[in-house]
């Protein structure tokens, strides 16, 4: 397994966690007792995962200088 394969595997894991956080946030937002602190924490974690997704995608797809 080369570095690209490892990056692709990590990317899929991070994307899945990002989607899972979407579901968790949506569930908390529709709950009768909203936990705003928990929602903020999950949203912050989701933003961190988004940054990691972009970073991994950048490593997989190098810039092409035209």
N, C-alpha and C. Protein backbone atom coordinates (compact mmCIF):
# COMPACT_ATOMS: atom_id res chain seq x y z
N UNK A 1 0.85 -1.17 0.00
CA UNK A 1 0.00 0.00 0.00
C UNK A 1 0.89 1.24 0.00
N UNK A 2 0.76 2.05 -1.04
CA UNK A 2 1.61 3.24 -1.12
C UNK A 2 0.94 4.43 -0.42
N UNK A 3 1.62 5.56 -0.43
CA UNK A 3 1.15 6.74 0.28
C UNK A 3 -0.19 7.24 -0.25
N UNK A 4 -0.39 7.18 -1.57
CA UNK A 4 -1.65 7.61 -2.17
C UNK A 4 -2.82 6.76 -1.67
N UNK A 5 -2.60 5.46 -1.55
CA UNK A 5 -3.65 4.56 -1.05
C UNK A 5 -3.99 4.88 0.41
N UNK A 6 -2.98 5.16 1.19
CA UNK A 6 -3.19 5.52 2.60
C UNK A 6 -3.98 6.82 2.69
N UNK A 7 -3.63 7.79 1.86
CA UNK A 7 -4.34 9.07 1.86
C UNK A 7 -5.80 8.88 1.45
N UNK A 8 -6.03 8.08 0.42
CA UNK A 8 -7.40 7.84 -0.04
C UNK A 8 -8.24 7.14 1.04
N UNK A 9 -7.63 6.18 1.73
CA UNK A 9 -8.33 5.48 2.80
C UNK A 9 -8.66 6.45 3.93
N UNK A 10 -7.70 7.27 4.32
CA UNK A 10 -7.92 8.27 5.37
C UNK A 10 -9.00 9.25 4.95
N UNK A 11 -8.99 9.65 3.68
CA UNK A 11 -9.98 10.58 3.17
C UNK A 11 -11.39 10.01 3.31
N UNK A 12 -11.57 8.77 2.98
CA UNK A 12 -12.89 8.14 3.10
C UNK A 12 -13.35 8.08 4.56
N UNK A 13 -12.44 7.79 5.45
CA UNK A 13 -12.77 7.74 6.88
C UNK A 13 -13.21 9.11 7.38
N UNK A 14 -12.46 10.13 6.99
CA UNK A 14 -12.77 11.49 7.44
C UNK A 14 -14.08 11.97 6.84
N UNK A 15 -14.33 11.67 5.57
CA UNK A 15 -15.59 12.05 4.94
C UNK A 15 -16.78 11.37 5.62
N UNK A 16 -16.61 10.12 5.99
CA UNK A 16 -17.69 9.41 6.67
C UNK A 16 -17.97 10.03 8.04
N UNK A 17 -16.91 10.38 8.76
CA UNK A 17 -17.09 11.03 10.07
C UNK A 17 -17.79 12.37 9.90
N UNK A 18 -17.44 13.10 8.84
CA UNK A 18 -18.05 14.40 8.54
C UNK A 18 -19.55 14.22 8.30
N UNK A 19 -19.92 13.20 7.52
CA UNK A 19 -21.35 12.92 7.27
C UNK A 19 -22.06 12.51 8.56
N UNK A 20 -21.40 11.71 9.37
CA UNK A 20 -21.99 11.27 10.64
C UNK A 20 -22.26 12.46 11.55
N UNK A 21 -21.34 13.43 11.55
CA UNK A 21 -21.55 14.63 12.36
C UNK A 21 -22.75 15.43 11.86
N UNK A 22 -22.95 15.46 10.54
CA UNK A 22 -24.14 16.12 9.99
C UNK A 22 -25.40 15.53 10.60
N UNK A 23 -25.46 14.21 10.63
CA UNK A 23 -26.63 13.53 11.18
C UNK A 23 -26.79 13.83 12.68
N UNK A 24 -25.69 13.80 13.41
CA UNK A 24 -25.74 14.06 14.85
C UNK A 24 -26.18 15.49 15.14
N UNK A 25 -25.66 16.44 14.38
CA UNK A 25 -26.03 17.84 14.57
C UNK A 25 -27.51 18.04 14.26
N UNK A 26 -27.96 17.46 13.15
CA UNK A 26 -29.36 17.58 12.77
C UNK A 26 -30.28 17.00 13.87
N UNK A 27 -29.88 15.86 14.42
CA UNK A 27 -30.68 15.24 15.48
C UNK A 27 -30.72 16.12 16.73
N UNK A 28 -29.58 16.69 17.10
CA UNK A 28 -29.54 17.56 18.28
C UNK A 28 -30.36 18.84 18.06
N UNK A 29 -30.33 19.36 16.84
CA UNK A 29 -31.05 20.60 16.56
C UNK A 29 -32.57 20.40 16.58
N UNK A 30 -33.01 19.18 16.29
CA UNK A 30 -34.45 18.93 16.28
C UNK A 30 -34.95 18.34 17.60
N UNK A 31 -34.05 18.07 18.52
CA UNK A 31 -34.44 17.50 19.81
C UNK A 31 -35.23 18.53 20.63
N UNK A 32 -36.09 18.03 21.49
CA UNK A 32 -36.91 18.93 22.30
C UNK A 32 -36.04 19.72 23.29
N UNK A 33 -35.01 19.10 23.83
CA UNK A 33 -34.06 19.81 24.70
C UNK A 33 -32.74 19.97 23.95
N UNK A 34 -32.55 21.15 23.41
CA UNK A 34 -31.34 21.40 22.62
C UNK A 34 -30.14 21.63 23.53
N UNK A 35 -29.05 20.97 23.20
CA UNK A 35 -27.80 21.16 23.93
C UNK A 35 -26.90 22.01 23.05
N UNK A 36 -27.01 23.33 23.22
CA UNK A 36 -26.28 24.26 22.35
C UNK A 36 -24.77 24.07 22.43
N UNK A 37 -24.28 23.78 23.61
CA UNK A 37 -22.84 23.58 23.77
C UNK A 37 -22.38 22.37 22.95
N UNK A 38 -23.11 21.29 23.04
CA UNK A 38 -22.76 20.09 22.28
C UNK A 38 -22.86 20.35 20.77
N UNK A 39 -23.87 21.08 20.35
CA UNK A 39 -24.02 21.42 18.93
C UNK A 39 -22.83 22.23 18.46
N UNK A 40 -22.41 23.21 19.26
CA UNK A 40 -21.24 24.03 18.88
C UNK A 40 -19.98 23.18 18.79
N UNK A 41 -19.81 22.26 19.74
CA UNK A 41 -18.63 21.39 19.71
C UNK A 41 -18.62 20.51 18.45
N UNK A 42 -19.78 19.96 18.12
CA UNK A 42 -19.86 19.11 16.93
C UNK A 42 -19.60 19.92 15.66
N UNK A 43 -20.13 21.13 15.60
CA UNK A 43 -19.89 21.98 14.43
C UNK A 43 -18.42 22.35 14.30
N UNK A 44 -17.77 22.60 15.42
CA UNK A 44 -16.34 22.91 15.40
C UNK A 44 -15.55 21.70 14.91
N UNK A 45 -15.91 20.52 15.41
CA UNK A 45 -15.25 19.29 14.96
C UNK A 45 -15.48 19.07 13.47
N UNK A 46 -16.69 19.38 13.01
CA UNK A 46 -17.01 19.22 11.58
C UNK A 46 -16.15 20.16 10.73
N UNK A 47 -15.94 21.38 11.19
CA UNK A 47 -15.08 22.32 10.46
C UNK A 47 -13.63 21.82 10.43
N UNK A 48 -13.18 21.26 11.52
CA UNK A 48 -11.82 20.71 11.55
C UNK A 48 -11.69 19.55 10.57
N UNK A 49 -12.71 18.72 10.50
CA UNK A 49 -12.69 17.60 9.55
C UNK A 49 -12.71 18.12 8.11
N UNK A 50 -13.47 19.18 7.86
CA UNK A 50 -13.52 19.76 6.51
C UNK A 50 -12.13 20.25 6.11
N UNK A 51 -11.43 20.90 7.04
CA UNK A 51 -10.07 21.35 6.76
C UNK A 51 -9.16 20.16 6.45
N UNK A 52 -9.32 19.08 7.19
CA UNK A 52 -8.51 17.89 6.95
C UNK A 52 -8.83 17.27 5.59
N UNK A 53 -10.11 17.27 5.22
CA UNK A 53 -10.51 16.75 3.91
C UNK A 53 -9.82 17.54 2.80
N UNK A 54 -9.85 18.85 2.91
CA UNK A 54 -9.23 19.71 1.89
C UNK A 54 -7.73 19.46 1.84
N UNK A 55 -7.10 19.34 3.00
CA UNK A 55 -5.66 19.10 3.06
C UNK A 55 -5.28 17.77 2.41
N UNK A 56 -6.06 16.72 2.69
CA UNK A 56 -5.78 15.41 2.10
C UNK A 56 -6.02 15.44 0.59
N UNK A 57 -7.10 16.08 0.17
CA UNK A 57 -7.39 16.17 -1.26
C UNK A 57 -6.27 16.92 -1.99
N UNK A 58 -5.74 17.95 -1.36
CA UNK A 58 -4.62 18.68 -1.95
C UNK A 58 -3.38 17.80 -2.09
N UNK A 59 -3.16 16.92 -1.13
CA UNK A 59 -2.01 16.01 -1.20
C UNK A 59 -2.21 14.97 -2.30
N UNK A 60 -3.44 14.53 -2.48
CA UNK A 60 -3.72 13.52 -3.51
C UNK A 60 -3.63 14.12 -4.90
N UNK A 61 -4.16 15.33 -5.06
CA UNK A 61 -4.18 16.00 -6.36
C UNK A 61 -3.24 17.19 -6.32
N UNK A 62 -2.03 17.02 -6.82
CA UNK A 62 -1.06 18.13 -6.78
C UNK A 62 -1.48 19.26 -7.72
N UNK A 63 -1.03 20.46 -7.39
CA UNK A 63 -1.31 21.62 -8.25
C UNK A 63 -0.63 21.42 -9.59
N UNK A 64 -1.36 21.83 -10.63
CA UNK A 64 -0.81 21.78 -11.99
C UNK A 64 -0.50 23.20 -12.41
N UNK A 65 0.74 23.44 -12.70
CA UNK A 65 1.15 24.78 -13.13
C UNK A 65 0.97 24.85 -14.64
N UNK A 66 0.15 25.81 -15.07
CA UNK A 66 -0.13 25.93 -16.50
C UNK A 66 0.68 27.04 -17.10
